[in-house]
N, C-alpha and C. Protein backbone atom coordinates (compact mmCIF):
# COMPACT_ATOMS: atom_id res chain seq x y z
N MET A 1 27.40 -19.25 10.66
CA MET A 1 26.91 -18.85 9.37
C MET A 1 25.46 -19.30 9.16
N TRP A 2 25.14 -20.49 9.65
CA TRP A 2 23.80 -21.04 9.53
C TRP A 2 22.76 -20.11 10.15
N LYS A 3 23.10 -19.54 11.30
CA LYS A 3 22.15 -18.65 11.99
C LYS A 3 21.88 -17.39 11.17
N ILE A 4 22.90 -16.90 10.51
CA ILE A 4 22.72 -15.70 9.68
C ILE A 4 21.76 -15.99 8.54
N TRP A 5 21.96 -17.12 7.86
CA TRP A 5 21.09 -17.49 6.75
C TRP A 5 19.65 -17.69 7.22
N MET A 6 19.49 -18.30 8.37
CA MET A 6 18.14 -18.50 8.90
C MET A 6 17.48 -17.17 9.24
N ALA A 7 18.24 -16.26 9.81
CA ALA A 7 17.69 -14.94 10.16
C ALA A 7 17.26 -14.19 8.90
N VAL A 8 18.08 -14.27 7.85
CA VAL A 8 17.73 -13.61 6.59
C VAL A 8 16.47 -14.24 6.00
N ALA A 9 16.41 -15.56 5.98
CA ALA A 9 15.25 -16.26 5.43
C ALA A 9 13.99 -15.92 6.20
N MET A 10 14.08 -15.86 7.52
CA MET A 10 12.91 -15.55 8.33
C MET A 10 12.46 -14.11 8.12
N SER A 11 13.40 -13.19 7.97
CA SER A 11 13.01 -11.80 7.76
C SER A 11 12.35 -11.62 6.40
N VAL A 12 12.84 -12.33 5.38
CA VAL A 12 12.22 -12.24 4.07
C VAL A 12 10.81 -12.82 4.12
N CYS A 13 10.65 -13.97 4.73
CA CYS A 13 9.33 -14.59 4.85
C CYS A 13 8.41 -13.72 5.69
N GLY A 14 8.94 -13.13 6.73
CA GLY A 14 8.14 -12.27 7.59
C GLY A 14 7.65 -11.04 6.87
N TRP A 15 8.48 -10.47 6.01
CA TRP A 15 8.08 -9.28 5.26
C TRP A 15 6.90 -9.61 4.35
N GLN A 16 6.95 -10.78 3.71
CA GLN A 16 5.85 -11.17 2.84
C GLN A 16 4.56 -11.34 3.64
N ALA A 17 4.67 -11.78 4.86
CA ALA A 17 3.48 -11.96 5.69
C ALA A 17 2.84 -10.62 6.03
N LEU A 18 3.63 -9.55 6.04
CA LEU A 18 3.11 -8.23 6.37
C LEU A 18 2.43 -7.56 5.18
N ALA A 19 2.65 -8.07 3.97
CA ALA A 19 2.08 -7.45 2.78
C ALA A 19 0.56 -7.58 2.80
N LEU A 20 -0.10 -6.52 2.38
CA LEU A 20 -1.56 -6.47 2.33
C LEU A 20 -1.97 -6.00 0.94
N GLU A 21 -2.57 -6.88 0.18
CA GLU A 21 -2.98 -6.56 -1.19
C GLU A 21 -4.29 -5.77 -1.17
N ILE A 22 -4.24 -4.57 -1.75
CA ILE A 22 -5.41 -3.68 -1.73
C ILE A 22 -6.63 -4.30 -2.41
N ASN A 23 -6.41 -5.11 -3.43
CA ASN A 23 -7.53 -5.69 -4.17
C ASN A 23 -8.17 -6.88 -3.46
N GLN A 24 -7.58 -7.31 -2.33
CA GLN A 24 -8.13 -8.43 -1.58
C GLN A 24 -8.37 -8.11 -0.11
N ALA A 25 -7.89 -6.97 0.34
CA ALA A 25 -7.97 -6.62 1.76
C ALA A 25 -9.41 -6.38 2.20
N SER A 26 -9.68 -6.81 3.42
CA SER A 26 -11.01 -6.58 4.01
C SER A 26 -11.09 -5.16 4.57
N GLU A 27 -12.30 -4.76 4.89
CA GLU A 27 -12.50 -3.44 5.50
C GLU A 27 -11.74 -3.34 6.82
N ALA A 28 -11.77 -4.38 7.62
CA ALA A 28 -11.06 -4.37 8.91
C ALA A 28 -9.55 -4.26 8.71
N GLU A 29 -9.01 -4.96 7.73
CA GLU A 29 -7.57 -4.89 7.47
C GLU A 29 -7.17 -3.49 7.03
N LEU A 30 -7.97 -2.88 6.17
CA LEU A 30 -7.67 -1.52 5.72
C LEU A 30 -7.80 -0.52 6.86
N ASP A 31 -8.82 -0.68 7.69
CA ASP A 31 -9.01 0.21 8.85
C ASP A 31 -7.83 0.11 9.82
N GLY A 32 -7.13 -1.00 9.81
CA GLY A 32 -6.00 -1.19 10.70
C GLY A 32 -4.74 -0.45 10.28
N LEU A 33 -4.74 0.12 9.11
CA LEU A 33 -3.57 0.87 8.64
C LEU A 33 -3.56 2.26 9.25
N ARG A 34 -2.38 2.72 9.67
CA ARG A 34 -2.24 4.07 10.21
C ARG A 34 -2.42 5.09 9.08
N GLY A 35 -3.15 6.14 9.36
CA GLY A 35 -3.30 7.23 8.40
C GLY A 35 -4.62 7.23 7.66
N ILE A 36 -5.40 6.15 7.81
CA ILE A 36 -6.72 6.14 7.19
C ILE A 36 -7.75 5.69 8.21
N GLY A 37 -8.94 6.18 8.05
CA GLY A 37 -10.02 5.81 8.96
C GLY A 37 -11.18 5.23 8.17
N PRO A 38 -12.27 4.96 8.86
CA PRO A 38 -13.43 4.34 8.21
C PRO A 38 -13.95 5.09 6.97
N PRO A 39 -14.05 6.43 6.97
CA PRO A 39 -14.55 7.10 5.76
C PRO A 39 -13.63 6.87 4.55
N PHE A 40 -12.33 6.93 4.80
CA PHE A 40 -11.38 6.72 3.70
C PHE A 40 -11.44 5.28 3.22
N THR A 41 -11.55 4.35 4.15
CA THR A 41 -11.66 2.94 3.80
C THR A 41 -12.89 2.70 2.93
N ARG A 42 -13.99 3.36 3.26
CA ARG A 42 -15.21 3.20 2.46
C ARG A 42 -15.00 3.71 1.03
N ARG A 43 -14.26 4.83 0.89
CA ARG A 43 -13.97 5.35 -0.46
C ARG A 43 -13.11 4.35 -1.24
N LEU A 44 -12.11 3.78 -0.56
CA LEU A 44 -11.27 2.77 -1.21
C LEU A 44 -12.10 1.58 -1.69
N LEU A 45 -12.94 1.07 -0.81
CA LEU A 45 -13.74 -0.10 -1.14
C LEU A 45 -14.75 0.20 -2.25
N ALA A 46 -15.33 1.40 -2.24
CA ALA A 46 -16.29 1.77 -3.28
C ALA A 46 -15.59 1.83 -4.65
N ALA A 47 -14.40 2.41 -4.68
CA ALA A 47 -13.65 2.48 -5.94
C ALA A 47 -13.23 1.09 -6.39
N ARG A 48 -12.84 0.25 -5.46
CA ARG A 48 -12.44 -1.12 -5.80
C ARG A 48 -13.63 -1.93 -6.31
N GLU A 49 -14.81 -1.65 -5.77
CA GLU A 49 -16.00 -2.37 -6.21
C GLU A 49 -16.32 -2.07 -7.68
N GLU A 50 -16.04 -0.84 -8.11
CA GLU A 50 -16.25 -0.48 -9.52
C GLU A 50 -15.36 -1.33 -10.42
N ARG A 51 -14.08 -1.41 -10.06
CA ARG A 51 -13.12 -2.29 -10.74
C ARG A 51 -11.85 -2.33 -9.90
N LEU A 52 -11.12 -3.42 -10.00
CA LEU A 52 -9.89 -3.59 -9.23
C LEU A 52 -8.85 -2.56 -9.64
N PHE A 53 -7.99 -2.22 -8.70
CA PHE A 53 -6.92 -1.27 -8.99
C PHE A 53 -5.82 -1.98 -9.77
N THR A 54 -5.32 -1.32 -10.80
CA THR A 54 -4.28 -1.93 -11.63
C THR A 54 -2.88 -1.59 -11.14
N ASP A 55 -2.70 -0.40 -10.59
CA ASP A 55 -1.40 0.04 -10.09
C ASP A 55 -1.62 1.24 -9.16
N TRP A 56 -0.52 1.75 -8.61
CA TRP A 56 -0.63 2.86 -7.67
C TRP A 56 -1.19 4.11 -8.33
N HIS A 57 -0.83 4.36 -9.58
CA HIS A 57 -1.36 5.53 -10.28
C HIS A 57 -2.88 5.43 -10.40
N ASP A 58 -3.36 4.26 -10.77
CA ASP A 58 -4.80 4.02 -10.87
C ASP A 58 -5.48 4.25 -9.51
N LEU A 59 -4.90 3.72 -8.47
CA LEU A 59 -5.44 3.90 -7.11
C LEU A 59 -5.50 5.37 -6.75
N ARG A 60 -4.40 6.07 -6.96
CA ARG A 60 -4.34 7.49 -6.58
C ARG A 60 -5.29 8.35 -7.40
N SER A 61 -5.49 7.99 -8.66
CA SER A 61 -6.36 8.81 -9.50
C SER A 61 -7.84 8.58 -9.20
N ARG A 62 -8.18 7.44 -8.63
CA ARG A 62 -9.59 7.11 -8.39
C ARG A 62 -10.06 7.34 -6.96
N VAL A 63 -9.13 7.50 -6.02
CA VAL A 63 -9.52 7.66 -4.61
C VAL A 63 -9.10 9.05 -4.12
N LYS A 64 -10.09 9.88 -3.86
CA LYS A 64 -9.84 11.24 -3.39
C LYS A 64 -9.06 11.20 -2.07
N GLY A 65 -8.01 12.02 -1.99
CA GLY A 65 -7.22 12.11 -0.77
C GLY A 65 -6.00 11.21 -0.75
N MET A 66 -5.81 10.41 -1.80
CA MET A 66 -4.68 9.49 -1.85
C MET A 66 -3.53 10.19 -2.59
N GLY A 67 -2.74 10.92 -1.82
CA GLY A 67 -1.60 11.63 -2.39
C GLY A 67 -0.31 10.86 -2.22
N PRO A 68 0.81 11.45 -2.62
CA PRO A 68 2.09 10.75 -2.54
C PRO A 68 2.53 10.42 -1.11
N LYS A 69 2.28 11.31 -0.17
CA LYS A 69 2.68 11.04 1.22
C LYS A 69 1.92 9.86 1.81
N LEU A 70 0.61 9.86 1.63
CA LEU A 70 -0.21 8.77 2.15
C LEU A 70 0.13 7.47 1.43
N SER A 71 0.33 7.54 0.12
CA SER A 71 0.69 6.35 -0.64
C SER A 71 1.99 5.74 -0.10
N GLN A 72 2.98 6.58 0.16
CA GLN A 72 4.26 6.09 0.68
C GLN A 72 4.09 5.51 2.08
N SER A 73 3.31 6.18 2.90
CA SER A 73 3.08 5.68 4.26
C SER A 73 2.39 4.32 4.25
N LEU A 74 1.36 4.18 3.43
CA LEU A 74 0.64 2.91 3.37
C LEU A 74 1.52 1.80 2.79
N SER A 75 2.31 2.16 1.79
CA SER A 75 3.24 1.18 1.22
C SER A 75 4.26 0.74 2.25
N ASP A 76 4.76 1.68 3.04
CA ASP A 76 5.72 1.35 4.10
C ASP A 76 5.11 0.41 5.14
N GLN A 77 3.80 0.47 5.30
CA GLN A 77 3.10 -0.41 6.24
C GLN A 77 2.77 -1.77 5.62
N GLY A 78 3.09 -1.94 4.34
CA GLY A 78 2.88 -3.22 3.69
C GLY A 78 1.79 -3.27 2.64
N LEU A 79 1.09 -2.15 2.41
CA LEU A 79 0.04 -2.15 1.40
C LEU A 79 0.65 -2.30 0.01
N ARG A 80 0.05 -3.16 -0.80
CA ARG A 80 0.54 -3.42 -2.15
C ARG A 80 -0.62 -3.32 -3.14
N VAL A 81 -0.29 -2.89 -4.35
CA VAL A 81 -1.25 -2.89 -5.45
C VAL A 81 -0.70 -3.86 -6.49
N ASN A 82 -1.40 -4.97 -6.66
CA ASN A 82 -0.95 -6.03 -7.55
C ASN A 82 0.48 -6.46 -7.23
N GLY A 83 0.77 -6.53 -5.94
CA GLY A 83 2.06 -7.02 -5.47
C GLY A 83 3.17 -5.98 -5.46
N HIS A 84 2.87 -4.76 -5.86
CA HIS A 84 3.91 -3.73 -5.96
C HIS A 84 3.79 -2.69 -4.86
N SER A 85 4.93 -2.30 -4.32
CA SER A 85 4.96 -1.21 -3.35
C SER A 85 4.95 0.11 -4.11
N TYR A 86 4.69 1.18 -3.40
CA TYR A 86 4.62 2.50 -4.03
C TYR A 86 6.02 3.03 -4.29
N GLU A 87 6.20 3.58 -5.47
CA GLU A 87 7.43 4.27 -5.81
C GLU A 87 7.04 5.63 -6.38
N ALA A 88 7.51 6.68 -5.71
CA ALA A 88 7.18 8.03 -6.16
C ALA A 88 7.74 8.26 -7.57
N VAL A 89 6.95 8.90 -8.39
CA VAL A 89 7.40 9.26 -9.72
C VAL A 89 7.77 10.73 -9.73
N ALA A 90 8.39 11.18 -10.78
CA ALA A 90 8.91 12.55 -10.85
C ALA A 90 7.84 13.59 -10.52
N GLU A 91 6.61 13.39 -10.99
CA GLU A 91 5.56 14.38 -10.74
C GLU A 91 5.16 14.45 -9.27
N ASP A 92 5.47 13.41 -8.47
CA ASP A 92 5.15 13.40 -7.05
C ASP A 92 6.19 14.12 -6.21
N LYS A 93 7.40 14.20 -6.73
CA LYS A 93 8.50 14.77 -5.96
C LYS A 93 8.48 16.28 -6.03
N PRO A 94 8.73 16.96 -4.92
CA PRO A 94 8.73 18.42 -4.94
C PRO A 94 9.91 18.94 -5.78
N LEU A 95 9.65 20.06 -6.45
CA LEU A 95 10.70 20.67 -7.25
C LEU A 95 11.71 21.35 -6.34
N THR A 96 12.97 21.20 -6.66
CA THR A 96 14.03 21.88 -5.89
C THR A 96 14.66 22.92 -6.79
N ARG A 97 15.04 24.02 -6.20
CA ARG A 97 15.65 25.09 -6.98
C ARG A 97 17.02 25.37 -6.48
């Protein structure tokens, strides 16, 4: 039983180590994320320089090209906005008929 608890504790601690806060991340850390390159990173940093991002909606509204798919992908890689992962809202989800 002890080994199970230790494995759970290590995985929880490890997940926190993978988190990358957008308001504190360096250019190199952002460039290391899959799905974005140097031009996109520069747009992120320029928008952040104006003012810090408050939440995912703020980030998406201020950075051209940051749609729901990219937001989810970056969140899955550990990117956080004020400690929060991305959660799609109703307007992001495709309509089904």
